[in-house]
Amino acid sequence: MAGEQEQQCDACKGDGLTEKEQHSVELDENGNQVAVAHHFVSSCTHCGGSGKA
């Protein structure tokens, strides 16, 4: 409808991107298992990257 504003996505606040965290278990230089967290940015899973609700 004319005059209506599109709502921005609450999860990404309209940016279309969100920071994510992935956890894994990896081996250190001595062969011991250590828990590792990887941080990265990708398209918002709630709005598909559009930034709109």
N, C-alpha and C. Protein backbone atom coordinates (compact mmCIF):
# COMPACT_ATOMS: atom_id res chain seq x y z
N MET A 1 0.84 -1.18 0.00
CA MET A 1 0.00 0.00 0.00
C MET A 1 0.88 1.24 0.00
N ALA A 2 0.42 2.26 -0.66
CA ALA A 2 1.18 3.50 -0.73
C ALA A 2 1.24 4.16 0.64
N GLY A 3 2.40 4.71 0.96
CA GLY A 3 2.57 5.40 2.23
C GLY A 3 3.02 4.51 3.38
N GLU A 4 2.96 3.19 3.20
CA GLU A 4 3.40 2.29 4.26
C GLU A 4 4.91 2.09 4.18
N GLN A 5 5.58 2.19 5.33
CA GLN A 5 7.02 1.93 5.37
C GLN A 5 7.26 0.46 5.64
N GLU A 6 8.29 -0.07 4.97
CA GLU A 6 8.64 -1.46 5.24
C GLU A 6 9.35 -1.53 6.58
N GLN A 7 9.06 -2.57 7.33
CA GLN A 7 9.67 -2.77 8.64
C GLN A 7 11.06 -3.37 8.45
N GLN A 8 12.02 -2.89 9.24
CA GLN A 8 13.35 -3.49 9.18
C GLN A 8 13.39 -4.75 10.03
N CYS A 9 14.27 -5.65 9.66
CA CYS A 9 14.44 -6.91 10.38
C CYS A 9 15.01 -6.62 11.77
N ASP A 10 14.40 -7.18 12.80
CA ASP A 10 14.87 -6.98 14.18
C ASP A 10 16.19 -7.69 14.44
N ALA A 11 16.42 -8.82 13.78
CA ALA A 11 17.62 -9.60 14.05
C ALA A 11 18.89 -8.89 13.58
N CYS A 12 18.84 -8.25 12.39
CA CYS A 12 20.03 -7.59 11.85
C CYS A 12 19.91 -6.06 11.88
N LYS A 13 18.82 -5.56 12.38
CA LYS A 13 18.56 -4.12 12.48
C LYS A 13 18.63 -3.44 11.11
N GLY A 14 18.22 -4.17 10.07
CA GLY A 14 18.17 -3.61 8.72
C GLY A 14 19.45 -3.71 7.92
N ASP A 15 20.52 -4.24 8.52
CA ASP A 15 21.81 -4.34 7.83
C ASP A 15 21.85 -5.48 6.81
N GLY A 16 21.08 -6.52 7.04
CA GLY A 16 21.11 -7.69 6.17
C GLY A 16 22.23 -8.66 6.52
N LEU A 17 23.07 -8.30 7.49
CA LEU A 17 24.19 -9.14 7.91
C LEU A 17 24.15 -9.35 9.41
N THR A 18 24.58 -10.52 9.85
CA THR A 18 24.71 -10.79 11.28
C THR A 18 26.02 -11.52 11.55
N GLU A 19 26.56 -11.32 12.75
CA GLU A 19 27.76 -12.03 13.15
C GLU A 19 27.35 -13.40 13.67
N LYS A 20 28.09 -14.40 13.23
CA LYS A 20 27.78 -15.76 13.64
C LYS A 20 29.00 -16.36 14.34
N GLU A 21 28.76 -17.43 15.09
CA GLU A 21 29.83 -18.11 15.80
C GLU A 21 29.68 -19.60 15.57
N GLN A 22 30.77 -20.24 15.13
CA GLN A 22 30.76 -21.68 14.88
C GLN A 22 31.78 -22.33 15.80
N HIS A 23 31.38 -23.39 16.46
CA HIS A 23 32.24 -24.10 17.41
C HIS A 23 32.71 -25.41 16.80
N SER A 24 33.97 -25.72 17.06
CA SER A 24 34.52 -27.01 16.59
C SER A 24 35.61 -27.47 17.56
N VAL A 25 35.99 -28.71 17.38
CA VAL A 25 37.11 -29.27 18.14
C VAL A 25 38.23 -29.52 17.14
N GLU A 26 39.40 -28.96 17.43
CA GLU A 26 40.55 -29.09 16.53
C GLU A 26 41.75 -29.61 17.32
N LEU A 27 42.76 -30.03 16.59
CA LEU A 27 43.98 -30.51 17.22
C LEU A 27 45.01 -29.39 17.28
N ASP A 28 45.67 -29.26 18.43
CA ASP A 28 46.75 -28.28 18.54
C ASP A 28 48.05 -28.89 18.03
N GLU A 29 49.15 -28.16 18.14
CA GLU A 29 50.43 -28.62 17.60
C GLU A 29 50.95 -29.89 18.28
N ASN A 30 50.42 -30.21 19.46
CA ASN A 30 50.83 -31.42 20.18
C ASN A 30 49.86 -32.59 19.97
N GLY A 31 48.83 -32.38 19.16
CA GLY A 31 47.87 -33.44 18.90
C GLY A 31 46.74 -33.52 19.92
N ASN A 32 46.66 -32.52 20.80
CA ASN A 32 45.59 -32.49 21.80
C ASN A 32 44.35 -31.81 21.23
N GLN A 33 43.19 -32.30 21.62
CA GLN A 33 41.95 -31.69 21.18
C GLN A 33 41.69 -30.40 21.96
N VAL A 34 41.32 -29.34 21.23
CA VAL A 34 40.98 -28.06 21.87
C VAL A 34 39.69 -27.52 21.25
N ALA A 35 38.87 -26.92 22.08
CA ALA A 35 37.64 -26.30 21.59
C ALA A 35 37.99 -24.95 20.97
N VAL A 36 37.44 -24.69 19.77
CA VAL A 36 37.74 -23.46 19.04
C VAL A 36 36.43 -22.83 18.60
N ALA A 37 36.35 -21.51 18.72
CA ALA A 37 35.18 -20.77 18.23
C ALA A 37 35.64 -19.88 17.07
N HIS A 38 34.96 -20.00 15.94
CA HIS A 38 35.25 -19.18 14.76
C HIS A 38 34.13 -18.15 14.62
N HIS A 39 34.47 -16.88 14.43
CA HIS A 39 33.50 -15.80 14.25
C HIS A 39 33.54 -15.33 12.80
N PHE A 40 32.36 -15.12 12.24
CA PHE A 40 32.29 -14.63 10.86
C PHE A 40 30.98 -13.88 10.66
N VAL A 41 30.91 -13.14 9.58
CA VAL A 41 29.71 -12.37 9.24
C VAL A 41 29.12 -12.96 7.97
N SER A 42 27.81 -13.15 7.96
CA SER A 42 27.13 -13.63 6.76
C SER A 42 25.72 -13.05 6.72
N SER A 43 25.02 -13.35 5.64
CA SER A 43 23.67 -12.80 5.49
C SER A 43 22.77 -13.27 6.63
N CYS A 44 21.87 -12.42 7.04
CA CYS A 44 20.96 -12.69 8.12
C CYS A 44 20.05 -13.87 7.76
N THR A 45 19.95 -14.83 8.67
CA THR A 45 19.11 -16.00 8.41
C THR A 45 17.63 -15.71 8.60
N HIS A 46 17.30 -14.61 9.29
CA HIS A 46 15.89 -14.28 9.53
C HIS A 46 15.24 -13.62 8.32
N CYS A 47 16.00 -12.73 7.65
CA CYS A 47 15.42 -11.99 6.52
C CYS A 47 16.06 -12.37 5.19
N GLY A 48 17.01 -13.31 5.21
CA GLY A 48 17.67 -13.72 3.98
C GLY A 48 18.60 -12.67 3.41
N GLY A 49 19.00 -11.71 4.23
CA GLY A 49 19.92 -10.67 3.79
C GLY A 49 19.25 -9.41 3.24
N SER A 50 17.93 -9.39 3.25
CA SER A 50 17.22 -8.23 2.68
C SER A 50 17.19 -7.04 3.65
N GLY A 51 17.30 -7.32 4.96
CA GLY A 51 17.21 -6.26 5.96
C GLY A 51 15.79 -5.86 6.30
N LYS A 52 14.82 -6.50 5.64
CA LYS A 52 13.41 -6.16 5.84
C LYS A 52 12.68 -7.30 6.53
N ALA A 53 11.75 -6.93 7.39
CA ALA A 53 10.96 -7.94 8.11
C ALA A 53 9.93 -8.56 7.21
